[in-house]
PDB file of N, CA and C in Angstrom:
ATOM      1  N   MET A   1      25.296  16.060  61.030  1.00  0.00           N
ATOM      2  CA  MET A   1      25.445  16.280  59.754  1.00  0.00           C
ATOM      3  C   MET A   1      25.162  14.449  59.888  1.00  0.00           C
ATOM      4  N   ALA A   2      24.979  13.781  60.747  1.00  0.00           N
ATOM      5  CA  ALA A   2      24.379  12.358  60.147  1.00  0.00           C
ATOM      6  C   ALA A   2      22.958  12.095  58.719  1.00  0.00           C
ATOM      7  N   GLN A   3      22.291  13.100  59.149  1.00  0.00           N
ATOM      8  CA  GLN A   3      20.849  13.544  58.905  1.00  0.00           C
ATOM      9  C   GLN A   3      20.974  13.361  57.554  1.00  0.00           C
ATOM     10  N   ARG A   4      22.046  14.609  57.312  1.00  0.00           N
ATOM     11  CA  ARG A   4      21.813  14.735  55.762  1.00  0.00           C
ATOM     12  C   ARG A   4      22.499  14.047  54.546  1.00  0.00           C
ATOM     13  N   GLU A   5      23.562  13.375  55.629  1.00  0.00           N
ATOM     14  CA  GLU A   5      23.693  12.282  54.942  1.00  0.00           C
ATOM     15  C   GLU A   5      23.277  10.901  55.117  1.00  0.00           C
ATOM     16  N   GLN A   6      21.725  10.440  55.795  1.00  0.00           N
ATOM     17  CA  GLN A   6      20.991   9.215  55.653  1.00  0.00           C
ATOM     18  C   GLN A   6      19.767  10.843  54.504  1.00  0.00           C
ATOM     19  N   PHE A   7      18.945  12.173  53.518  1.00  0.00           N
ATOM     20  CA  PHE A   7      19.125  11.849  53.475  1.00  0.00           C
ATOM     21  C   PHE A   7      19.743  11.531  52.593  1.00  0.00           C
ATOM     22  N   ARG A   8      20.552  12.135  51.996  1.00  0.00           N
ATOM     23  CA  ARG A   8      22.088  12.722  51.157  1.00  0.00           C
ATOM     24  C   ARG A   8      21.473  11.209  49.999  1.00  0.00           C
ATOM     25  N   ALA A   9      21.498   9.795  50.885  1.00  0.00           N
ATOM     26  CA  ALA A   9      22.043   8.836  50.586  1.00  0.00           C
ATOM     27  C   ALA A   9      19.764   7.779  50.403  1.00  0.00           C
ATOM     28  N   MET A  10      19.236   8.427  50.536  1.00  0.00           N
ATOM     29  CA  MET A  10      17.636   8.132  50.512  1.00  0.00           C
ATOM     30  C   MET A  10      17.242   9.137  49.420  1.00  0.00           C
ATOM     31  N   LEU A  11      17.720  10.289  48.846  1.00  0.00           N
ATOM     32  CA  LEU A  11      17.652  10.839  47.814  1.00  0.00           C
ATOM     33  C   LEU A  11      17.973  10.373  47.037  1.00  0.00           C
ATOM     34  N   ASN A  12      19.120   9.800  46.519  1.00  0.00           N
ATOM     35  CA  ASN A  12      20.199   9.465  45.289  1.00  0.00           C
ATOM     36  C   ASN A  12      19.439   7.670  45.664  1.00  0.00           C
ATOM     37  N   ALA A  13      19.071   7.010  46.206  1.00  0.00           N
ATOM     38  CA  ALA A  13      18.616   6.427  46.256  1.00  0.00           C
ATOM     39  C   ALA A  13      17.174   6.003  45.425  1.00  0.00           C
ATOM     40  N   ARG A  14      16.730   7.379  45.440  1.00  0.00           N
ATOM     41  CA  ARG A  14      14.812   7.349  45.328  1.00  0.00           C
ATOM     42  C   ARG A  14      15.312   7.693  43.539  1.00  0.00           C
ATOM     43  N   LEU A  15      16.453   8.563  43.450  1.00  0.00           N
ATOM     44  CA  LEU A  15      16.949   9.086  41.699  1.00  0.00           C
ATOM     45  C   LEU A  15      17.332   8.001  41.301  1.00  0.00           C
ATOM     46  N   ALA A  16      18.120   6.555  42.218  1.00  0.00           N
ATOM     47  CA  ALA A  16      18.068   5.582  41.330  1.00  0.00           C
ATOM     48  C   ALA A  16      17.244   4.092  40.632  1.00  0.00           C
ATOM     49  N   SER A  17      16.159   4.500  41.971  1.00  0.00           N
ATOM     50  CA  SER A  17      14.826   3.716  41.454  1.00  0.00           C
ATOM     51  C   SER A  17      14.468   4.639  40.027  1.00  0.00           C
ATOM     52  N   THR A  18      14.190   6.101  39.651  1.00  0.00           N
ATOM     53  CA  THR A  18      13.557   5.986  39.326  1.00  0.00           C
ATOM     54  C   THR A  18      14.388   6.663  37.887  1.00  0.00           C
ATOM     55  N   GLY A  19      15.520   6.711  37.643  1.00  0.00           N
ATOM     56  CA  GLY A  19      15.954   6.180  36.836  1.00  0.00           C
ATOM     57  C   GLY A  19      16.290   4.827  35.592  1.00  0.00           C
ATOM     58  N   ASP A  20      15.597   3.839  36.956  1.00  0.00           N
ATOM     59  CA  ASP A  20      15.862   2.695  35.801  1.00  0.00           C
ATOM     60  C   ASP A  20      14.411   1.898  35.984  1.00  0.00           C
ATOM     61  N   GLY A  21      12.968   2.864  36.019  1.00  0.00           N
ATOM     62  CA  GLY A  21      12.374   2.785  35.916  1.00  0.00           C
ATOM     63  C   GLY A  21      11.985   3.420  34.934  1.00  0.00           C
ATOM     64  N   ILE A  22      12.095   4.778  34.051  1.00  0.00           N
ATOM     65  CA  ILE A  22      12.703   5.471  33.037  1.00  0.00           C
ATOM     66  C   ILE A  22      12.754   4.603  32.174  1.00  0.00           C
ATOM     67  N   ASN A  23      13.646   4.187  32.522  1.00  0.00           N
ATOM     68  CA  ASN A  23      14.881   3.136  31.243  1.00  0.00           C
ATOM     69  C   ASN A  23      14.360   1.644  31.172  1.00  0.00           C
ATOM     70  N   ALA A  24      13.149   1.088  32.069  1.00  0.00           N
ATOM     71  CA  ALA A  24      12.775   0.127  31.880  1.00  0.00           C
ATOM     72  C   ALA A  24      11.266   0.300  30.972  1.00  0.00           C
ATOM     73  N   LEU A  25      10.703   2.093  30.801  1.00  0.00           N
ATOM     74  CA  LEU A  25       9.878   2.346  30.411  1.00  0.00           C
ATOM     75  C   LEU A  25      10.397   1.855  28.781  1.00  0.00           C
ATOM     76  N   PHE A  26      11.267   2.827  28.659  1.00  0.00           N
ATOM     77  CA  PHE A  26      11.840   3.801  27.664  1.00  0.00           C
ATOM     78  C   PHE A  26      11.853   2.023  26.985  1.00  0.00           C
ATOM     79  N   GLU A  27      12.525   0.971  27.217  1.00  0.00           N
ATOM     80  CA  GLU A  27      13.548   0.310  26.282  1.00  0.00           C
ATOM     81  C   GLU A  27      12.186  -1.095  25.946  1.00  0.00           C
ATOM     82  N   GLU A  28      10.249  -0.459  27.092  1.00  0.00           N
ATOM     83  CA  GLU A  28       9.512  -1.466  26.498  1.00  0.00           C
ATOM     84  C   GLU A  28       9.150  -0.686  25.388  1.00  0.00           C
ATOM     85  N   LYS A  29       8.770   0.720  24.919  1.00  0.00           N
ATOM     86  CA  LYS A  29       8.821   1.541  24.065  1.00  0.00           C
ATOM     87  C   LYS A  29       9.175   0.772  23.026  1.00  0.00           C
ATOM     88  N   ILE A  30      10.566   1.083  23.144  1.00  0.00           N
ATOM     89  CA  ILE A  30      11.945   1.126  21.777  1.00  0.00           C
ATOM     90  C   ILE A  30      11.392  -0.505  21.406  1.00  0.00           C
ATOM     91  N   ARG A  31      10.337  -1.850  22.380  1.00  0.00           N
ATOM     92  CA  ARG A  31      10.277  -2.942  21.715  1.00  0.00           C
ATOM     93  C   ARG A  31       8.555  -3.019  21.307  1.00  0.00           C
ATOM     94  N   GLU A  32       8.070  -2.185  22.194  1.00  0.00           N
ATOM     95  CA  GLU A  32       6.674  -1.603  20.847  1.00  0.00           C
ATOM     96  C   GLU A  32       6.397  -1.564  19.286  1.00  0.00           C
ATOM     97  N   TYR A  33       7.586  -0.681  19.409  1.00  0.00           N
ATOM     98  CA  TYR A  33       8.235   0.123  18.527  1.00  0.00           C
ATOM     99  C   TYR A  33       9.132  -0.735  17.132  1.00  0.00           C
ATOM    100  N   GLU A  34      10.083  -1.838  17.584  1.00  0.00           N
ATOM    101  CA  GLU A  34      10.073  -3.171  16.962  1.00  0.00           C
ATOM    102  C   GLU A  34       9.571  -4.275  15.920  1.00  0.00           C
ATOM    103  N   GLU A  35       8.360  -4.259  17.128  1.00  0.00           N
ATOM    104  CA  GLU A  35       7.542  -5.236  17.104  1.00  0.00           C
ATOM    105  C   GLU A  35       6.544  -4.416  15.718  1.00  0.00           C
ATOM    106  N   GLU A  36       5.761  -3.934  15.774  1.00  0.00           N
ATOM    107  CA  GLU A  36       5.591  -2.405  14.670  1.00  0.00           C
ATOM    108  C   GLU A  36       6.115  -2.757  13.315  1.00  0.00           C
ATOM    109  N   VAL A  37       7.587  -1.720  13.933  1.00  0.00           N
ATOM    110  CA  VAL A  37       8.259  -2.240  12.396  1.00  0.00           C
ATOM    111  C   VAL A  37       8.280  -3.215  11.499  1.00  0.00           C
ATOM    112  N   ASN A  38       8.087  -4.295  12.824  1.00  0.00           N
ATOM    113  CA  ASN A  38       8.279  -6.266  11.666  1.00  0.00           C
ATOM    114  C   ASN A  38       7.769  -6.093  10.946  1.00  0.00           C
ATOM    115  N   PHE A  39       6.074  -6.286  11.735  1.00  0.00           N
ATOM    116  CA  PHE A  39       4.747  -6.794  10.971  1.00  0.00           C
ATOM    117  C   PHE A  39       4.414  -5.751  10.303  1.00  0.00           C
ATOM    118  N   LEU A  40       5.522  -3.743  10.424  1.00  0.00           N
ATOM    119  CA  LEU A  40       4.977  -3.409   9.012  1.00  0.00           C
ATOM    120  C   LEU A  40       5.767  -3.663   7.406  1.00  0.00           C
ATOM    121  N   ASN A  41       6.997  -4.085   7.105  1.00  0.00           N
ATOM    122  CA  ASN A  41       7.862  -4.197   6.446  1.00  0.00           C
ATOM    123  C   ASN A  41       7.543  -6.420   6.270  1.00  0.00           C
ATOM    124  N   GLU A  42       6.536  -6.962   7.359  1.00  0.00           N
ATOM    125  CA  GLU A  42       6.228  -8.132   6.575  1.00  0.00           C
ATOM    126  C   GLU A  42       4.612  -7.443   5.802  1.00  0.00           C
ATOM    127  N   GLU A  43       4.525  -7.082   5.673  1.00  0.00           N
ATOM    128  CA  GLU A  43       2.606  -6.625   5.543  1.00  0.00           C
ATOM    129  C   GLU A  43       3.053  -5.598   4.375  1.00  0.00           C
ATOM    130  N   SER A  44       4.663  -5.209   3.417  1.00  0.00           N
ATOM    131  CA  SER A  44       4.591  -3.887   3.005  1.00  0.00           C
ATOM    132  C   SER A  44       5.344  -4.956   2.246  1.00  0.00           C
ATOM    133  N   ASN A  45       6.409  -6.548   2.263  1.00  0.00           N
ATOM    134  CA  ASN A  45       6.313  -7.121   1.642  1.00  0.00           C
ATOM    135  C   ASN A  45       6.015  -8.012   0.906  1.00  0.00           C
ATOM    136  N   LEU A  46       4.738  -8.992   1.656  1.00  0.00           N
ATOM    137  CA  LEU A  46       3.511  -9.339   0.422  1.00  0.00           C
ATOM    138  C   LEU A  46       2.884  -8.437  -0.215  1.00  0.00           C
ATOM    139  N   ARG A  47       2.298  -6.719   0.065  1.00  0.00           N
ATOM    140  CA  ARG A  47       1.978  -6.129  -0.372  1.00  0.00           C
ATOM    141  C   ARG A  47       3.214  -6.170  -1.896  1.00  0.00           C
ATOM    142  N   GLN A  48       3.883  -5.967  -2.043  1.00  0.00           N
ATOM    143  CA  GLN A  48       4.933  -6.143  -3.622  1.00  0.00           C
ATOM    144  C   GLN A  48       5.046  -7.258  -3.697  1.00  0.00           C
ATOM    145  N   LYS A  49       4.891  -8.651  -3.348  1.00  0.00           N
ATOM    146  CA  LYS A  49       5.208  -9.627  -3.542  1.00  0.00           C
ATOM    147  C   LYS A  49       3.811  -9.879  -4.513  1.00  0.00           C
ATOM    148  N   LEU A  50       2.209  -9.703  -4.224  1.00  0.00           N
ATOM    149  CA  LEU A  50       0.975  -9.689  -4.949  1.00  0.00           C
ATOM    150  C   LEU A  50       1.322  -8.960  -6.168  1.00  0.00           C
ATOM    151  N   LEU A  51       1.456  -7.282  -6.153  1.00  0.00           N
ATOM    152  CA  LEU A  51       1.937  -6.460  -6.842  1.00  0.00           C
ATOM    153  C   LEU A  51       2.820  -6.885  -8.173  1.00  0.00           C
ATOM    154  N   ASP A  52       3.533  -7.290  -7.528  1.00  0.00           N
ATOM    155  CA  ASP A  52       4.501  -8.118  -8.758  1.00  0.00           C
ATOM    156  C   ASP A  52       4.024  -9.689  -9.175  1.00  0.00           C
ATOM    157  N   ALA A  53       3.383  -9.586  -9.023  1.00  0.00           N
ATOM    158  CA  ALA A  53       2.322 -11.265  -9.649  1.00  0.00           C
ATOM    159  C   ALA A  53       1.468 -10.404  -9.886  1.00  0.00           C
ATOM    160  N   ALA A  54       0.687  -9.132 -10.127  1.00  0.00           N
ATOM    161  CA  ALA A  54      -0.871  -9.015 -10.549  1.00  0.00           C
ATOM    162  C   ALA A  54       0.948  -8.386 -11.994  1.00  0.00           C
ATOM    163  N   MET A  55       1.438  -7.305 -12.114  1.00  0.00           N
ATOM    164  CA  MET A  55       1.950  -6.362 -13.337  1.00  0.00           C
ATOM    165  C   MET A  55       2.536  -7.599 -13.894  1.00  0.00           C
ATOM    166  N   LYS A  56       3.230  -8.883 -13.401  1.00  0.00           N
ATOM    167  CA  LYS A  56       3.213 -10.316 -14.361  1.00  0.00           C
ATOM    168  C   LYS A  56       1.816 -10.533 -15.590  1.00  0.00           C
ATOM    169  N   GLU A  57       0.846 -10.816 -14.462  1.00  0.00           N
ATOM    170  CA  GLU A  57      -0.122 -11.095 -15.201  1.00  0.00           C
ATOM    171  C   GLU A  57      -0.909 -10.263 -16.624  1.00  0.00           C
ATOM    172  N   GLY A  58       0.065  -9.394 -15.630  1.00  0.00           N
ATOM    173  CA  GLY A  58      -0.351  -8.065 -16.531  1.00  0.00           C
ATOM    174  C   GLY A  58      -2.186  -7.354 -16.466  1.00  0.00           C
ATOM    175  N   MET A  59      -2.232  -7.659 -15.238  1.00  0.00           N
ATOM    176  CA  MET A  59      -3.542  -7.388 -14.401  1.00  0.00           C
ATOM    177  C   MET A  59      -3.483  -5.618 -14.232  1.00  0.00           C
ATOM    178  N   PRO A  60      -4.554  -5.221 -14.816  1.00  0.00           N
ATOM    179  CA  PRO A  60      -4.638  -2.906 -14.295  1.00  0.00           C
ATOM    180  C   PRO A  60      -4.124  -3.392 -12.901  1.00  0.00           C
ATOM    181  N   VAL A  61      -3.807  -2.385 -12.203  1.00  0.00           N
ATOM    182  CA  VAL A  61      -3.746  -2.294 -10.921  1.00  0.00           C
ATOM    183  C   VAL A  61      -3.919  -0.486 -10.709  1.00  0.00           C
ATOM    184  N   VAL A  62      -4.707  -0.416  -9.840  1.00  0.00           N
ATOM    185  CA  VAL A  62      -5.673   0.195  -9.359  1.00  0.00           C
ATOM    186  C   VAL A  62      -5.394   0.777  -7.392  1.00  0.00           C
ATOM    187  N   LEU A  63      -4.219   2.000  -7.870  1.00  0.00           N
ATOM    188  CA  LEU A  63      -4.709   3.256  -6.423  1.00  0.00           C
ATOM    189  C   LEU A  63      -5.614   2.806  -5.473  1.00  0.00           C
ATOM    190  N   CYS A  64      -5.925   2.298  -3.919  1.00  0.00           N
ATOM    191  CA  CYS A  64      -6.911   3.473  -3.206  1.00  0.00           C
ATOM    192  C   CYS A  64      -7.099   4.746  -2.473  1.00  0.00           C
ATOM    193  N   GLU A  65      -7.636   5.210  -3.421  1.00  0.00           N
ATOM    194  CA  GLU A  65      -7.360   7.099  -2.144  1.00  0.00           C
ATOM    195  C   GLU A  65      -7.175   7.233  -0.860  1.00  0.00           C
ATOM    196  N   ASP A  66      -7.592   6.109   0.070  1.00  0.00           N
ATOM    197  CA  ASP A  66      -7.866   6.091   1.569  1.00  0.00           C
ATOM    198  C   ASP A  66      -6.288   5.890   1.957  1.00  0.00           C
ATOM    199  N   GLU A  67      -5.396   5.351   1.206  1.00  0.00           N
ATOM    200  CA  GLU A  67      -4.300   4.450   1.240  1.00  0.00           C
ATOM    201  C   GLU A  67      -2.667   5.560   0.818  1.00  0.00           C
ATOM    202  N   PRO A  68      -1.696   5.620   1.750  1.00  0.00           N
ATOM    203  CA  PRO A  68      -1.121   6.785   1.120  1.00  0.00           C
ATOM    204  C   PRO A  68       0.088   5.851   0.183  1.00  0.00           C
ATOM    205  N   GLY A  69      -0.141   7.403  -0.646  1.00  0.00           N
ATOM    206  CA  GLY A  69       0.558   6.587  -2.232  1.00  0.00           C
ATOM    207  C   GLY A  69       2.057   7.127  -1.815  1.00  0.00           C
ATOM    208  N   PRO A  70       2.264   6.502  -2.776  1.00  0.00           N
ATOM    209  CA  PRO A  70       4.039   6.507  -2.827  1.00  0.00           C
ATOM    210  C   PRO A  70       4.772   7.576  -2.901  1.00  0.00           C
ATOM    211  N   SER A  71       5.220   8.683  -2.012  1.00  0.00           N
ATOM    212  CA  SER A  71       5.921   9.456  -1.461  1.00  0.00           C
ATOM    213  C   SER A  71       6.421  10.283  -3.570  1.00  0.00           C
ATOM    214  N   GLU A  72       7.373  11.630  -2.731  1.00  0.00           N
ATOM    215  CA  GLU A  72       7.069  12.053  -4.129  1.00  0.00           C
ATOM    216  C   GLU A  72       8.163  12.889  -4.801  1.00  0.00           C
ATOM    217  N   ASN A  73       9.047  11.812  -3.654  1.00  0.00           N
ATOM    218  CA  ASN A  73      10.399  12.042  -3.991  1.00  0.00           C
ATOM    219  C   ASN A  73      10.591  10.401  -4.348  1.00  0.00           C
ATOM    220  N   ALA A  74       9.834   9.626  -4.080  1.00  0.00           N
ATOM    221  CA  ALA A  74      10.687   8.629  -4.616  1.00  0.00           C
ATOM    222  C   ALA A  74       9.605   8.439  -5.984  1.00  0.00           C
ATOM    223  N   ALA A  75      10.626   7.310  -6.580  1.00  0.00           N
ATOM    224  CA  ALA A  75      10.012   6.246  -7.539  1.00  0.00           C
ATOM    225  C   ALA A  75       8.872   6.116  -7.494  1.00  0.00           C
ATOM    226  N   SER A  76       7.801   5.788  -8.163  1.00  0.00           N
ATOM    227  CA  SER A  76       6.905   5.205  -8.277  1.00  0.00           C
ATOM    228  C   SER A  76       6.910   4.085  -8.704  1.00  0.00           C
ATOM    229  N   PRO A  77       6.198   3.366  -8.066  1.00  0.00           N
ATOM    230  CA  PRO A  77       6.499   1.324  -8.950  1.00  0.00           C
ATOM    231  C   PRO A  77       4.902   1.117  -9.564  1.00  0.00           C
ATOM    232  N   VAL A  78       4.693   2.235  -9.357  1.00  0.00           N
ATOM    233  CA  VAL A  78       3.157   1.776 -10.752  1.00  0.00           C
ATOM    234  C   VAL A  78       3.729   2.463 -11.460  1.00  0.00           C
ATOM    235  N   SER A  79       3.479   1.909 -12.819  1.00  0.00           N
ATOM    236  CA  SER A  79       2.896   3.153 -14.480  1.00  0.00           C
ATOM    237  C   SER A  79       1.870   4.170 -13.991  1.00  0.00           C
ATOM    238  N   PRO A  80       1.956   5.567 -14.881  1.00  0.00           N
ATOM    239  CA  PRO A  80       1.183   6.584 -13.964  1.00  0.00           C
ATOM    240  C   PRO A  80      -0.404   5.761 -15.005  1.00  0.00           C
ATOM    241  N   GLN A  81       0.117   5.186 -16.039  1.00  0.00           N
ATOM    242  CA  GLN A  81      -1.260   4.410 -16.948  1.00  0.00           C
ATOM    243  C   GLN A  81      -2.140   4.212 -15.731  1.00  0.00           C
ATOM    244  N   THR A  82      -2.027   3.310 -14.806  1.00  0.00           N
ATOM    245  CA  THR A  82      -2.368   2.420 -13.660  1.00  0.00           C
ATOM    246  C   THR A  82      -2.786   3.086 -12.632  1.00  0.00           C
ATOM    247  N   GLN A  83      -2.560   4.240 -12.180  1.00  0.00           N
ATOM    248  CA  GLN A  83      -2.655   5.028 -10.940  1.00  0.00           C
ATOM    249  C   GLN A  83      -3.949   5.668 -11.819  1.00  0.00           C
ATOM    250  N   GLN A  84      -4.983   6.074 -10.870  1.00  0.00           N
ATOM    251  CA  GLN A  84      -6.037   6.508 -10.817  1.00  0.00           C
ATOM    252  C   GLN A  84      -6.116   7.877 -10.036  1.00  0.00           C
ATOM    253  N   LYS A  85      -6.674   8.665 -10.501  1.00  0.00           N
ATOM    254  CA  LYS A  85      -6.772   9.995 -10.707  1.00  0.00           C
ATOM    255  C   LYS A  85      -7.914  10.486  -9.788  1.00  0.00           C
ATOM    256  N   PRO A  86      -7.650  11.106  -8.443  1.00  0.00           N
ATOM    257  CA  PRO A  86      -9.013  11.852  -8.498  1.00  0.00           C
ATOM    258  C   PRO A  86      -9.826  13.246  -8.739  1.00  0.00           C
ATOM    259  N   ASN A  87     -10.680  12.906  -8.699  1.00  0.00           N
ATOM    260  CA  ASN A  87     -11.604  13.739  -9.012  1.00  0.00           C
ATOM    261  C   ASN A  87     -11.081  14.924  -8.476  1.00  0.00           C
ATOM    262  N   ALA A  88     -10.700  15.759  -9.984  1.00  0.00           N
ATOM    263  CA  ALA A  88     -10.548  17.679  -9.212  1.00  0.00           C
ATOM    264  C   ALA A  88     -12.048  18.565  -9.150  1.00  0.00           C
ATOM    265  N   ASN A  89     -13.352  17.457  -9.820  1.00  0.00           N
ATOM    266  CA  ASN A  89     -14.211  19.019  -9.437  1.00  0.00           C
ATOM    267  C   ASN A  89     -15.060  18.607  -8.225  1.00  0.00           C
ATOM    268  N   LYS A  90     -15.270  17.444  -7.861  1.00  0.00           N
ATOM    269  CA  LYS A  90     -15.822  16.742  -6.961  1.00  0.00           C
ATOM    270  C   LYS A  90     -15.425  17.925  -5.612  1.00  0.00           C
ATOM    271  N   ARG A  91     -16.298  17.496  -4.730  1.00  0.00           N
ATOM    272  CA  ARG A  91     -16.323  18.911  -3.586  1.00  0.00           C
ATOM    273  C   ARG A  91     -16.868  18.286  -2.680  1.00  0.00           C
ATOM    274  N   ARG A  92     -15.792  19.270  -0.989  1.00  0.00           N
ATOM    275  CA  ARG A  92     -16.039  17.831   0.137  1.00  0.00           C
ATOM    276  C   ARG A  92     -17.156  18.829   0.707  1.00  0.00           C
ATOM    277  N   PRO A  93     -18.607  18.516   1.469  1.00  0.00           N
ATOM    278  CA  PRO A  93     -19.243  19.721   2.044  1.00  0.00           C
ATOM    279  C   PRO A  93     -18.163  20.233   3.201  1.00  0.00           C
ATOM    280  N   ARG A  94     -19.939  21.633   3.790  1.00  0.00           N
ATOM    281  CA  ARG A  94     -18.944  22.524   4.428  1.00  0.00           C
ATOM    282  C   ARG A  94     -19.341  21.775   5.738  1.00  0.00           C
ATOM    283  N   LYS A  95     -18.132  22.462   6.428  1.00  0.00           N
ATOM    284  CA  LYS A  95     -18.834  21.693   8.389  1.00  0.00           C
ATOM    285  C   LYS A  95     -19.611  23.338   9.065  1.00  0.00           C
ATOM    286  N   LYS A  96     -20.623  22.796   9.355  1.00  0.00           N
ATOM    287  CA  LYS A  96     -21.415  23.979   9.783  1.00  0.00           C
ATOM    288  C   LYS A  96     -20.112  24.288  11.266  1.00  0.00           C
ATOM    289  N   LYS A  97     -20.906  25.679  11.173  1.00  0.00           N
ATOM    290  CA  LYS A  97     -19.800  26.396  12.084  1.00  0.00           C
ATOM    291  C   LYS A  97     -21.094  26.242  13.480  1.00  0.00           C
ATOM    292  N   LYS A  98     -19.908  25.664  14.477  1.00  0.00           N
ATOM    293  CA  LYS A  98     -21.277  25.589  15.984  1.00  0.00           C
ATOM    294  C   LYS A  98     -21.404  27.954  16.196  1.00  0.00           C
ATOM    295  N   ASN A  99     -23.000  27.482  16.952  1.00  0.00           N
ATOM    296  CA  ASN A  99     -23.249  28.392  17.522  1.00  0.00           C
ATOM    297  C   ASN A  99     -22.986  29.047  19.080  1.00  0.00           C
ATOM    298  N   SER A 100     -22.152  29.423  19.253  1.00  0.00           N
ATOM    299  CA  SER A 100     -21.691  30.064  20.603  1.00  0.00           C
ATOM    300  C   SER A 100     -22.052  30.360  21.339  1.00  0.00           C
TER     301      SER A 100
END
C-alpha cells in the first residue's frame, strides 16, 4: 500500500510540474503576441497619420499591391479614384511540373 501512495504522490508532483511548465509557456506566448499587437498598432497609427497628412496636402495616394488592402467589409479610407487597380490582362508564368 505504501508503494501505491508513493507512486500516486510522485505522479501528482510530476503532473503539477508539467502543468506549471505548460502554463509558463502559454503566458510567454501571450506576452509575445501582445508585444506584436502593440507594435502593429503603433505602425498602423503612424501610417494613418502619414496618410492623413498626405490627403490634407492633396497628394495622390497609391496603394501598393504587395501590401494587403482594406477588407471588403470595411470602408476604404482611400477614395476609389486614388486606388491603383491591378492589370486584369497580366498573366503569371506557369510553374513547370516536376517529373517523378
